[in-house]
Amino acid sequence: MSIFDKLKKIFHFQGPLINIKFINNSYNNVETKNKPIHYDANTEETLINLDEISPKQKKGIKALIDEHLNERTNKILQKETQDFFNDLHSYDKKNDSQILTFFQKIIPPSDFEALEASLYLRNVFKNQARIGNQAEREKVKKIKFDIIQAFGERGRNISNLCTSGYFEGFLKPLYNVVSKKDFNDLYEMIVGKAALALFVHEKMSSRDITSEITRKLNISIKYGIKSIHIHGIGVQNIEKIKGCLRKQEKFFNFFKQKIHEENNILIMILILK
């Protein structure tokens, strides 16, 4: 019996099984609200709603994923991995529901999916920071890799922005004060081109950081924002930012600084005086 036949048996489903995609009730498709499975003829996707399937059906799907996980050519699995599926469907979204509801209709659908996965990643990252063991660190890396594999460079940018609280802390208030066109332009610059936010990594020197701040600040001034965010995730990158502040004290004297540091995440907002 093929995996398609097994899935049809699990759901007693007679429709097409093409480009199977796991979703939940936040997904923008009214046809899936009260259905565990639905074929969308417009997108040619078979949608499995994780919020509507029974425990028995979940168990059956997990068994199929275990069985077929290593079959890389099997398109039915798309971007999902075993850990991603097992945890994403049980991840409690109530703390993130306001973010998801706000952005669902104002960003592209694929970006919304990346945001949802990135919010899950953020929760795992916070748990890793609290527990601090190697297994949790490896889990964070694996989920981040899955997001990049599924959504490319945009997925990487969205996960970085999301982990740093950028969607609720910057993009949401931005949407409320600028025109829709300006928001869309700025959103594309921020997500598509990683402008206005600097994510410091371990290979950057103090000179690299200062140079990037100057370049991104010029972009932000063009749009009348006159500020940028600097983010560091992890002890090493946070220390690198603090070291840069000490070494480049004269340069940073041009800015007012707002610093938030928690759970091995540093967010610094630089505002021109």
Protein backbone atom coordinates (compact mmCIF):
# COMPACT_ATOMS: atom_id res chain seq x y z
CA MET A 1 0.00 0.00 0.00
CA SER A 2 1.43 3.40 -1.00
CA ILE A 3 1.72 6.36 1.36
CA PHE A 4 -1.13 8.02 -0.56
CA ASP A 5 -3.40 5.02 0.02
CA LYS A 6 -2.48 5.01 3.71
CA LEU A 7 -3.29 8.70 4.06
CA LYS A 8 -6.62 8.27 2.32
CA LYS A 9 -7.41 5.44 4.72
CA ILE A 10 -6.52 7.59 7.75
CA PHE A 11 -8.86 10.39 6.66
CA HIS A 12 -11.44 8.38 4.68
CA PHE A 13 -10.65 10.89 1.94
CA GLN A 14 -11.51 10.40 -1.73
CA GLY A 15 -10.10 13.66 -3.14
CA PRO A 16 -6.70 14.29 -4.79
CA LEU A 17 -3.53 13.98 -2.71
CA ILE A 18 -1.25 16.54 -4.39
CA ASN A 19 1.35 18.84 -2.79
CA ILE A 20 0.26 17.96 0.74
CA LYS A 21 0.69 20.81 3.20
CA PHE A 22 0.23 20.84 6.99
CA ILE A 23 -1.60 23.95 8.26
CA ASN A 24 -3.71 25.10 11.23
CA ASN A 25 -6.77 27.29 11.78
CA SER A 26 -4.76 30.51 11.37
CA TYR A 27 -4.20 29.59 7.72
CA ASN A 28 -6.17 31.90 5.45
CA ASN A 29 -8.57 29.36 3.93
CA VAL A 30 -12.17 29.22 5.17
CA GLU A 31 -12.67 25.77 3.64
CA THR A 32 -10.27 24.21 6.17
CA LYS A 33 -11.77 25.73 9.34
CA ASN A 34 -13.88 22.70 10.25
CA LYS A 35 -12.25 20.05 8.07
CA PRO A 36 -9.25 17.86 8.87
CA ILE A 37 -8.39 17.61 5.17
CA HIS A 38 -9.33 19.66 2.11
CA TYR A 39 -8.17 19.86 -1.50
CA ASP A 40 -7.75 23.45 -2.72
CA ALA A 41 -8.25 23.44 -6.48
CA ASN A 42 -6.99 27.04 -6.79
CA THR A 43 -3.54 26.30 -5.37
CA GLU A 44 -3.58 22.58 -6.25
CA GLU A 45 -2.67 21.69 -2.67
CA THR A 46 -4.13 19.14 -0.28
CA LEU A 47 -4.34 20.86 3.11
CA ILE A 48 -4.23 18.87 6.36
CA ASN A 49 -5.48 21.02 9.24
CA LEU A 50 -3.56 20.04 12.37
CA ASP A 51 -6.09 21.83 14.60
CA GLU A 52 -8.94 19.69 13.33
CA ILE A 53 -7.51 16.18 13.11
CA SER A 54 -8.16 13.63 15.84
CA PRO A 55 -5.47 12.15 18.13
CA LYS A 56 -5.83 8.87 16.24
CA GLN A 57 -5.23 10.62 12.91
CA LYS A 58 -2.20 12.46 14.34
CA LYS A 59 -0.77 9.15 15.49
CA GLY A 60 -1.32 7.67 12.04
CA ILE A 61 0.42 10.59 10.32
CA LYS A 62 3.39 10.40 12.68
CA ALA A 63 3.76 6.71 11.87
CA LEU A 64 3.79 7.52 8.15
CA ILE A 65 6.41 10.23 8.63
CA ASP A 66 8.57 7.83 10.64
CA GLU A 67 8.27 5.31 7.83
CA HIS A 68 9.00 7.68 4.95
CA LEU A 69 11.26 10.29 6.58
CA ASN A 70 14.39 9.24 4.67
CA GLU A 71 12.73 9.15 1.25
CA ARG A 72 14.01 12.56 0.09
CA THR A 73 12.25 12.32 -3.26
CA ASN A 74 8.87 11.90 -1.63
CA LYS A 75 7.15 15.23 -2.36
CA ILE A 76 4.40 14.53 0.14
CA LEU A 77 6.63 15.64 3.01
CA GLN A 78 7.62 18.98 1.39
CA LYS A 79 9.41 21.13 4.01
CA GLU A 80 8.24 19.22 7.09
CA THR A 81 10.64 17.13 9.09
CA GLN A 82 9.75 14.71 11.86
CA ASP A 83 10.66 17.06 14.72
CA PHE A 84 9.06 20.03 12.99
CA PHE A 85 5.74 18.22 12.53
CA ASN A 86 5.71 16.52 15.93
CA ASP A 87 6.25 19.79 17.79
CA LEU A 88 4.67 22.44 15.57
CA HIS A 89 1.18 20.98 15.77
CA SER A 90 1.35 20.85 19.59
CA TYR A 91 2.99 24.27 20.01
CA ASP A 92 0.64 26.53 21.99
CA LYS A 93 0.04 29.58 19.79
CA LYS A 94 -2.11 31.53 22.25
CA ASN A 95 0.80 33.81 23.23
CA ASP A 96 1.48 34.54 19.57
CA SER A 97 -2.12 34.70 18.32
CA GLN A 98 -2.21 38.51 18.21
CA ILE A 99 0.92 38.65 16.04
CA LEU A 100 -0.41 36.00 13.67
CA THR A 101 -3.85 37.63 13.40
CA PHE A 102 -2.33 41.06 12.76
CA PHE A 103 0.07 40.00 10.00
CA GLN A 104 -2.04 37.31 8.33
CA LYS A 105 -3.68 39.66 5.82
CA ILE A 106 -0.92 42.23 5.35
CA ILE A 107 2.12 40.12 4.39
CA PRO A 108 2.50 37.54 1.58
CA PRO A 109 1.13 34.04 2.42
CA SER A 110 4.55 32.39 2.16
CA ASP A 111 6.01 35.03 4.52
CA PHE A 112 3.15 34.35 6.93
CA GLU A 113 4.00 30.65 6.93
CA ALA A 114 7.64 31.51 7.60
CA LEU A 115 6.55 33.82 10.43
CA GLU A 116 4.44 31.08 12.01
CA ALA A 117 7.35 28.63 11.86
CA SER A 118 9.69 31.34 13.20
CA LEU A 119 7.44 32.02 16.19
CA TYR A 120 7.67 28.32 16.98
CA LEU A 121 11.46 28.58 16.60
CA ARG A 122 11.49 31.57 18.96
CA ASN A 123 9.66 29.57 21.61
CA VAL A 124 12.12 26.69 21.25
CA PHE A 125 15.04 29.15 21.40
CA LYS A 126 13.73 30.69 24.64
CA ASN A 127 13.37 27.21 26.09
CA GLN A 128 16.93 26.40 25.01
CA ALA A 129 18.19 29.59 26.67
CA ARG A 130 16.43 28.57 29.88
CA ILE A 131 17.56 24.94 29.87
CA GLY A 132 20.90 25.46 28.14
CA ASN A 133 21.64 21.86 27.10
CA GLN A 134 23.23 20.63 23.88
CA ALA A 135 20.13 18.77 22.69
CA GLU A 136 18.03 21.93 22.76
CA ARG A 137 20.74 23.91 20.96
CA GLU A 138 20.85 21.30 18.21
CA LYS A 139 17.06 21.43 17.96
CA VAL A 140 17.18 25.19 17.42
CA LYS A 141 19.76 24.77 14.64
CA LYS A 142 17.69 22.06 12.96
CA ILE A 143 14.48 24.11 12.96
CA LYS A 144 16.34 27.17 11.65
CA PHE A 145 17.81 25.01 8.87
CA ASP A 146 14.34 23.70 7.98
CA ILE A 147 12.98 27.25 7.74
CA ILE A 148 15.82 28.34 5.45
CA GLN A 149 15.41 25.23 3.31
CA ALA A 150 11.69 25.89 2.95
CA PHE A 151 11.68 29.69 2.54
CA GLY A 152 15.21 30.60 1.41
CA GLU A 153 16.90 33.84 2.37
CA ARG A 154 13.54 35.47 3.19
CA GLY A 155 12.96 32.69 5.70
CA ARG A 156 16.34 33.39 7.28
CA ASN A 157 15.55 37.11 7.54
CA ILE A 158 12.06 36.48 8.93
CA SER A 159 13.37 34.06 11.56
CA ASN A 160 16.05 36.57 12.62
CA LEU A 161 13.53 39.40 12.80
CA CYS A 162 10.99 37.27 14.62
CA THR A 163 13.44 35.93 17.19
CA SER A 164 14.42 39.52 18.00
CA GLY A 165 10.82 40.65 18.47
CA TYR A 166 10.94 42.81 15.35
CA PHE A 167 7.46 41.99 14.05
CA GLU A 168 5.56 43.12 17.14
CA GLY A 169 8.15 45.67 18.29
CA PHE A 170 8.78 47.51 15.01
CA LEU A 171 6.74 46.33 12.01
CA LYS A 172 3.38 46.36 13.78
CA PRO A 173 3.66 49.96 15.06
CA LEU A 174 5.18 50.97 11.70
CA TYR A 175 2.08 49.67 9.88
CA ASN A 176 -0.11 51.83 12.11
CA VAL A 177 1.67 55.11 11.32
CA VAL A 178 2.61 54.98 7.62
CA SER A 179 0.62 54.52 4.42
CA LYS A 180 0.00 51.03 3.10
CA LYS A 181 2.34 51.69 0.16
CA ASP A 182 5.15 52.96 2.40
CA PHE A 183 4.70 49.97 4.69
CA ASN A 184 4.88 47.54 1.78
CA ASP A 185 8.03 49.27 0.46
CA LEU A 186 9.70 49.26 3.86
CA TYR A 187 8.58 45.72 4.62
CA GLU A 188 10.17 44.48 1.40
CA MET A 189 13.40 46.31 2.19
CA ILE A 190 13.48 44.87 5.71
CA VAL A 191 12.49 41.29 4.85
CA GLY A 192 13.75 41.02 1.29
CA LYS A 193 16.95 43.02 1.62
CA ALA A 194 17.57 42.87 5.40
CA ALA A 195 17.70 46.67 5.63
CA LEU A 196 17.28 48.73 8.85
CA ALA A 197 18.27 45.83 11.11
CA LEU A 198 21.80 44.55 11.67
CA PHE A 199 22.17 40.97 12.89
CA VAL A 200 25.66 40.58 14.28
CA HIS A 201 27.31 37.19 13.74
CA GLU A 202 30.54 35.74 15.09
CA LYS A 203 32.64 36.55 11.99
CA MET A 204 31.97 40.32 12.09
CA SER A 205 34.68 42.68 13.35
CA SER A 206 34.05 46.01 15.10
CA ARG A 207 34.88 47.76 11.84
CA ASP A 208 32.37 45.57 9.97
CA ILE A 209 29.66 46.40 12.48
CA THR A 210 30.32 50.15 12.31
CA SER A 211 30.38 50.09 8.50
CA GLU A 212 27.07 48.21 8.33
CA ILE A 213 25.46 50.58 10.84
CA THR A 214 26.47 53.55 8.67
CA ARG A 215 25.12 51.93 5.50
CA LYS A 216 21.79 50.93 7.05
CA LEU A 217 21.40 54.29 8.77
CA ASN A 218 21.65 56.05 5.41
CA ILE A 219 18.81 53.85 4.14
CA SER A 220 16.66 54.56 7.19
CA ILE A 221 17.22 58.34 6.95
CA LYS A 222 15.98 58.22 3.36
CA TYR A 223 12.64 56.98 4.69
CA GLY A 224 12.56 59.44 7.61
CA ILE A 225 13.11 56.81 10.31
CA LYS A 226 16.57 57.93 11.52
CA SER A 227 17.16 54.80 13.56
CA ILE A 228 18.25 51.21 13.18
CA HIS A 229 18.16 48.09 15.32
CA ILE A 230 21.19 45.99 16.17
CA HIS A 231 20.57 42.41 17.25
CA GLY A 232 22.79 39.82 18.81
CA ILE A 233 21.67 36.30 19.65
CA GLY A 234 23.90 34.19 21.89
CA VAL A 235 26.60 35.12 24.41
CA GLN A 236 29.42 35.46 21.85
CA ASN A 237 27.55 37.85 19.56
CA ILE A 238 26.27 39.95 22.47
CA GLU A 239 29.83 40.38 23.75
CA LYS A 240 30.96 41.36 20.25
CA ILE A 241 28.36 44.18 20.14
CA LYS A 242 29.36 45.42 23.59
CA GLY A 243 33.02 45.30 22.60
CA CYS A 244 32.24 47.34 19.49
CA LEU A 245 30.53 49.98 21.64
CA ARG A 246 33.67 50.30 23.75
CA LYS A 247 36.08 50.42 20.79
CA GLN A 248 33.98 52.82 18.70
CA GLU A 249 32.85 55.09 21.54
CA LYS A 250 33.18 58.32 19.50
CA PHE A 251 31.08 56.93 16.66
CA PHE A 252 28.30 55.74 18.97
CA ASN A 253 28.21 59.10 20.74
CA PHE A 254 26.08 60.39 17.83
CA PHE A 255 23.18 58.17 18.94
CA LYS A 256 20.79 57.73 21.79
CA GLN A 257 20.85 54.08 22.76
CA LYS A 258 18.02 51.89 23.96
CA ILE A 259 19.17 48.44 25.00
CA HIS A 260 17.10 45.39 25.87
CA GLU A 261 18.83 42.20 26.93
CA GLU A 262 17.07 38.99 27.95
CA ASN A 263 17.36 35.24 27.33
CA ASN A 264 20.68 35.62 25.44
CA ILE A 265 19.05 38.10 23.03
CA LEU A 266 20.29 41.68 22.80
CA ILE A 267 18.32 44.36 20.98
CA MET A 268 19.88 47.80 20.63
CA ILE A 269 18.04 50.70 19.04
CA LEU A 270 20.27 53.53 17.80
CA ILE A 271 18.49 56.86 17.30
CA LEU A 272 20.23 59.93 15.89
CA LYS A 273 20.38 62.72 18.47
